[in-house]
């Protein structure tokens, strides 16, 4: 039988460790088809860029934040897919822009 609580605890521990140990952070923005804006903070891990924080500002002005502290809710969740800025439609942004949205 699958132990969902153990899996969630391991997932939280993984993203928390990445966040706390990060020495290099990358920040991006992405506009979706519905007019929402996504703000992403990612760190390198094993040759990939792993998203550790993600904020969605919906077209209605609602802000949803996801990180190891809040992995998911009824609106969505922190992506479990690595990103590739050369393939994914992401716009690099300054860290300050990401922080302003994250702490809004």
N, C-alpha and C. Protein backbone atom coordinates (compact mmCIF):
# COMPACT_ATOMS: atom_id res chain seq x y z
N UNK A 1 0.84 -1.18 0.00
CA UNK A 1 0.00 0.00 0.00
C UNK A 1 0.89 1.25 0.00
N UNK A 2 0.45 2.25 -0.72
CA UNK A 2 1.22 3.49 -0.83
C UNK A 2 1.02 4.34 0.42
N UNK A 3 2.13 4.80 0.97
CA UNK A 3 2.09 5.65 2.16
C UNK A 3 2.16 7.11 1.70
N UNK A 4 1.00 7.73 1.48
CA UNK A 4 0.94 9.10 0.95
C UNK A 4 1.56 10.13 1.89
N UNK A 5 1.41 9.94 3.19
CA UNK A 5 2.01 10.88 4.15
C UNK A 5 3.53 10.84 4.07
N UNK A 6 4.10 9.65 3.92
CA UNK A 6 5.56 9.52 3.79
C UNK A 6 6.04 10.19 2.50
N UNK A 7 5.31 9.96 1.41
CA UNK A 7 5.68 10.56 0.13
C UNK A 7 5.61 12.08 0.21
N UNK A 8 4.56 12.62 0.83
CA UNK A 8 4.45 14.07 0.97
C UNK A 8 5.59 14.61 1.83
N UNK A 9 5.92 13.92 2.92
CA UNK A 9 7.01 14.37 3.79
C UNK A 9 8.34 14.36 3.04
N UNK A 10 8.58 13.35 2.22
CA UNK A 10 9.82 13.29 1.44
C UNK A 10 9.86 14.40 0.39
N UNK A 11 8.72 14.69 -0.21
CA UNK A 11 8.64 15.76 -1.21
C UNK A 11 8.93 17.12 -0.57
N UNK A 12 8.30 17.38 0.57
CA UNK A 12 8.54 18.63 1.30
C UNK A 12 10.01 18.73 1.67
N UNK A 13 10.59 17.66 2.18
CA UNK A 13 12.01 17.67 2.58
C UNK A 13 12.93 17.96 1.39
N UNK A 14 12.62 17.38 0.23
CA UNK A 14 13.43 17.60 -0.97
C UNK A 14 13.41 19.07 -1.38
N UNK A 15 12.21 19.65 -1.53
CA UNK A 15 12.12 21.05 -1.96
C UNK A 15 12.67 22.00 -0.91
N UNK A 16 12.48 21.69 0.36
CA UNK A 16 13.02 22.53 1.43
C UNK A 16 14.55 22.52 1.39
N UNK A 17 15.14 21.35 1.23
CA UNK A 17 16.60 21.24 1.16
C UNK A 17 17.15 22.03 -0.02
N UNK A 18 16.49 21.95 -1.16
CA UNK A 18 16.93 22.72 -2.33
C UNK A 18 16.87 24.21 -2.05
N UNK A 19 15.78 24.65 -1.44
CA UNK A 19 15.60 26.07 -1.15
C UNK A 19 16.65 26.57 -0.16
N UNK A 20 16.86 25.83 0.90
CA UNK A 20 17.78 26.27 1.95
C UNK A 20 19.25 26.20 1.54
N UNK A 21 19.59 25.29 0.62
CA UNK A 21 20.99 25.12 0.22
C UNK A 21 21.35 25.89 -1.05
N UNK A 22 20.39 26.52 -1.67
CA UNK A 22 20.62 27.15 -2.97
C UNK A 22 21.64 28.27 -2.89
N UNK A 23 22.60 28.21 -3.79
CA UNK A 23 23.59 29.29 -3.93
C UNK A 23 23.37 30.05 -5.23
N UNK A 24 22.62 29.45 -6.12
CA UNK A 24 22.31 30.08 -7.40
C UNK A 24 20.81 29.93 -7.65
N UNK A 25 20.14 31.05 -7.89
CA UNK A 25 18.70 31.03 -8.14
C UNK A 25 18.42 31.72 -9.48
N UNK A 26 17.44 31.19 -10.19
CA UNK A 26 17.03 31.74 -11.47
C UNK A 26 15.56 32.13 -11.36
N UNK A 27 15.20 33.25 -12.00
CA UNK A 27 13.83 33.76 -11.88
C UNK A 27 13.26 34.00 -13.28
N UNK A 28 11.99 33.62 -13.43
CA UNK A 28 11.33 33.70 -14.72
C UNK A 28 9.88 34.15 -14.55
N UNK A 29 9.34 34.63 -15.67
CA UNK A 29 7.92 34.96 -15.73
C UNK A 29 7.36 34.31 -16.99
N UNK A 30 6.09 33.92 -16.92
CA UNK A 30 5.42 33.31 -18.06
C UNK A 30 3.97 33.76 -18.08
N UNK A 31 3.47 34.18 -19.23
CA UNK A 31 2.06 34.54 -19.39
C UNK A 31 1.32 33.34 -19.96
N UNK A 32 0.18 32.98 -19.35
CA UNK A 32 -0.59 31.85 -19.87
C UNK A 32 -1.71 32.32 -20.79
N UNK A 33 -2.40 31.37 -21.38
CA UNK A 33 -3.44 31.67 -22.37
C UNK A 33 -4.63 32.40 -21.78
N UNK A 34 -4.86 32.26 -20.47
CA UNK A 34 -6.01 32.90 -19.82
C UNK A 34 -5.71 34.31 -19.31
N UNK A 35 -4.51 34.79 -19.57
CA UNK A 35 -4.14 36.14 -19.13
C UNK A 35 -3.47 36.17 -17.76
N UNK A 36 -3.17 35.01 -17.20
CA UNK A 36 -2.47 34.95 -15.92
C UNK A 36 -0.97 35.07 -16.11
N UNK A 37 -0.30 35.47 -15.05
CA UNK A 37 1.17 35.55 -15.06
C UNK A 37 1.72 34.59 -14.02
N UNK A 38 2.73 33.84 -14.42
CA UNK A 38 3.40 32.90 -13.53
C UNK A 38 4.80 33.43 -13.24
N UNK A 39 5.17 33.42 -11.97
CA UNK A 39 6.50 33.82 -11.53
C UNK A 39 7.17 32.60 -10.93
N UNK A 40 8.40 32.34 -11.34
CA UNK A 40 9.07 31.09 -10.99
C UNK A 40 10.46 31.37 -10.44
N UNK A 41 10.81 30.66 -9.36
CA UNK A 41 12.17 30.64 -8.85
C UNK A 41 12.65 29.20 -8.96
N UNK A 42 13.78 29.01 -9.62
CA UNK A 42 14.31 27.66 -9.85
C UNK A 42 15.78 27.61 -9.46
N UNK A 43 16.21 26.42 -9.09
CA UNK A 43 17.61 26.20 -8.71
C UNK A 43 18.14 24.98 -9.45
N UNK A 44 19.44 24.96 -9.71
CA UNK A 44 20.02 23.78 -10.36
C UNK A 44 20.06 22.59 -9.41
N UNK A 45 19.72 21.42 -9.94
CA UNK A 45 19.82 20.17 -9.19
C UNK A 45 20.03 19.03 -10.18
N UNK A 46 21.16 18.37 -10.07
CA UNK A 46 21.48 17.21 -10.91
C UNK A 46 21.32 17.52 -12.41
N UNK A 47 21.80 18.68 -12.82
CA UNK A 47 21.80 19.04 -14.23
C UNK A 47 20.49 19.60 -14.75
N UNK A 48 19.52 19.82 -13.88
CA UNK A 48 18.24 20.38 -14.30
C UNK A 48 17.92 21.61 -13.47
N UNK A 49 16.98 22.42 -13.97
CA UNK A 49 16.48 23.54 -13.18
C UNK A 49 15.16 23.10 -12.55
N UNK A 50 15.16 23.05 -11.22
CA UNK A 50 14.00 22.59 -10.47
C UNK A 50 13.30 23.80 -9.86
N UNK A 51 12.01 23.89 -10.08
CA UNK A 51 11.21 24.99 -9.54
C UNK A 51 11.03 24.76 -8.04
N UNK A 52 11.40 25.77 -7.23
CA UNK A 52 11.22 25.65 -5.79
C UNK A 52 10.16 26.61 -5.26
N UNK A 53 9.86 27.64 -6.04
CA UNK A 53 8.79 28.58 -5.69
C UNK A 53 8.09 28.97 -6.97
N UNK A 54 6.77 29.11 -6.85
CA UNK A 54 5.98 29.43 -8.03
C UNK A 54 4.78 30.25 -7.56
N UNK A 55 4.53 31.37 -8.22
CA UNK A 55 3.39 32.21 -7.89
C UNK A 55 2.59 32.46 -9.16
N UNK A 56 1.28 32.33 -9.05
CA UNK A 56 0.41 32.61 -10.18
C UNK A 56 -0.46 33.81 -9.83
N UNK A 57 -0.40 34.84 -10.66
CA UNK A 57 -1.30 35.98 -10.55
C UNK A 57 -2.33 35.79 -11.65
N UNK A 58 -3.56 35.44 -11.26
CA UNK A 58 -4.60 35.16 -12.25
C UNK A 58 -5.05 36.44 -12.93
N UNK A 59 -5.76 36.27 -14.04
CA UNK A 59 -6.29 37.42 -14.76
C UNK A 59 -7.31 38.18 -13.91
N UNK A 60 -7.87 37.51 -12.90
CA UNK A 60 -8.82 38.16 -11.98
C UNK A 60 -8.10 38.85 -10.81
N UNK A 61 -6.77 38.78 -10.79
CA UNK A 61 -5.99 39.45 -9.75
C UNK A 61 -5.74 38.62 -8.50
N UNK A 62 -6.09 37.33 -8.50
CA UNK A 62 -5.83 36.47 -7.35
C UNK A 62 -4.41 35.94 -7.42
N UNK A 63 -3.76 35.86 -6.28
CA UNK A 63 -2.39 35.37 -6.21
C UNK A 63 -2.36 34.03 -5.49
N UNK A 64 -1.77 33.04 -6.13
CA UNK A 64 -1.60 31.72 -5.52
C UNK A 64 -0.09 31.44 -5.47
N UNK A 65 0.40 31.03 -4.29
CA UNK A 65 1.83 30.76 -4.09
C UNK A 65 2.05 29.30 -3.72
N UNK A 66 3.11 28.73 -4.27
CA UNK A 66 3.45 27.34 -3.97
C UNK A 66 4.96 27.22 -3.73
N UNK A 67 5.30 26.45 -2.71
CA UNK A 67 6.69 26.17 -2.35
C UNK A 67 6.66 24.94 -1.45
N UNK A 68 7.79 24.62 -0.82
CA UNK A 68 7.80 23.48 0.09
C UNK A 68 6.88 23.72 1.28
N UNK A 69 6.60 24.98 1.58
CA UNK A 69 5.72 25.29 2.71
C UNK A 69 4.24 25.12 2.37
N UNK A 70 3.90 25.15 1.09
CA UNK A 70 2.52 25.02 0.63
C UNK A 70 2.57 24.40 -0.77
N UNK A 71 2.60 23.06 -0.82
CA UNK A 71 2.81 22.38 -2.10
C UNK A 71 1.62 22.49 -3.05
N UNK A 72 0.40 22.43 -2.51
CA UNK A 72 -0.76 22.45 -3.40
C UNK A 72 -2.02 22.84 -2.65
N UNK A 73 -3.03 23.22 -3.43
CA UNK A 73 -4.36 23.50 -2.89
C UNK A 73 -5.37 23.26 -4.01
N UNK A 74 -6.59 23.70 -3.81
CA UNK A 74 -7.63 23.45 -4.80
C UNK A 74 -7.41 24.20 -6.12
N UNK A 75 -6.50 25.17 -6.15
CA UNK A 75 -6.23 25.94 -7.37
C UNK A 75 -5.08 25.38 -8.19
N UNK A 76 -4.19 24.63 -7.57
CA UNK A 76 -3.04 24.10 -8.29
C UNK A 76 -1.96 23.67 -7.32
N UNK A 77 -0.72 23.64 -7.83
CA UNK A 77 0.37 23.21 -6.98
C UNK A 77 1.72 23.47 -7.62
N UNK A 78 2.74 23.28 -6.83
CA UNK A 78 4.12 23.43 -7.30
C UNK A 78 4.41 22.38 -8.36
N UNK A 79 4.93 22.82 -9.49
CA UNK A 79 5.22 21.88 -10.56
C UNK A 79 6.25 20.85 -10.12
N UNK A 80 6.10 19.65 -10.62
CA UNK A 80 7.07 18.59 -10.32
C UNK A 80 7.94 18.31 -11.54
N UNK A 81 7.87 19.19 -12.53
CA UNK A 81 8.66 19.04 -13.75
C UNK A 81 9.79 20.05 -13.77
N UNK A 82 10.97 19.60 -14.16
CA UNK A 82 12.09 20.52 -14.34
C UNK A 82 11.76 21.45 -15.52
N UNK A 83 12.36 22.63 -15.51
CA UNK A 83 12.13 23.57 -16.62
C UNK A 83 13.40 23.69 -17.46
N UNK A 84 13.20 24.07 -18.71
CA UNK A 84 14.30 24.31 -19.63
C UNK A 84 14.05 25.66 -20.30
N UNK A 85 14.73 26.71 -19.84
CA UNK A 85 14.48 28.06 -20.39
C UNK A 85 14.71 28.17 -21.89
N UNK A 86 15.48 27.24 -22.47
CA UNK A 86 15.71 27.29 -23.91
C UNK A 86 14.54 26.70 -24.69
N UNK A 87 13.70 25.91 -24.02
CA UNK A 87 12.56 25.27 -24.68
C UNK A 87 11.24 25.85 -24.17
N UNK A 88 11.12 26.01 -22.87
CA UNK A 88 9.90 26.52 -22.27
C UNK A 88 9.76 28.02 -22.53
N UNK A 89 8.53 28.50 -22.72
CA UNK A 89 8.32 29.94 -23.01
C UNK A 89 8.43 30.79 -21.74
N UNK A 90 9.66 30.95 -21.26
CA UNK A 90 9.91 31.68 -20.02
C UNK A 90 10.74 32.92 -20.31
N UNK A 91 10.41 34.00 -19.61
CA UNK A 91 11.16 35.24 -19.72
C UNK A 91 11.98 35.43 -18.46
N UNK A 92 13.31 35.52 -18.57
CA UNK A 92 14.12 35.78 -17.37
C UNK A 92 13.75 37.14 -16.78
N UNK A 93 13.69 37.20 -15.46
CA UNK A 93 13.38 38.45 -14.76
C UNK A 93 14.37 38.63 -13.62
N UNK A 94 14.53 39.86 -13.13
CA UNK A 94 15.41 40.10 -11.98
C UNK A 94 14.82 39.46 -10.71
N UNK A 95 15.70 39.09 -9.80
CA UNK A 95 15.28 38.49 -8.53
C UNK A 95 14.32 39.42 -7.78
N UNK A 96 14.56 40.71 -7.84
CA UNK A 96 13.70 41.67 -7.15
C UNK A 96 12.26 41.64 -7.64
N UNK A 97 12.08 41.46 -8.93
CA UNK A 97 10.72 41.38 -9.48
C UNK A 97 10.01 40.14 -8.94
N UNK A 98 10.73 39.03 -8.90
CA UNK A 98 10.13 37.82 -8.34
C UNK A 98 9.77 38.05 -6.87
N UNK A 99 10.68 38.62 -6.10
CA UNK A 99 10.45 38.83 -4.66
C UNK A 99 9.26 39.75 -4.40
N UNK A 100 9.12 40.79 -5.21
CA UNK A 100 7.97 41.69 -5.05
C UNK A 100 6.66 40.93 -5.23
N UNK A 101 6.61 40.05 -6.21
CA UNK A 101 5.39 39.29 -6.43
C UNK A 101 5.20 38.25 -5.32
N UNK A 102 6.28 37.60 -4.93
CA UNK A 102 6.20 36.55 -3.91
C UNK A 102 5.72 37.09 -2.56
N UNK A 103 6.14 38.29 -2.21
CA UNK A 103 5.79 38.87 -0.90
C UNK A 103 4.58 39.78 -0.97
N UNK A 104 3.96 39.89 -2.09
CA UNK A 104 2.78 40.75 -2.28
C UNK A 104 1.63 40.30 -1.41
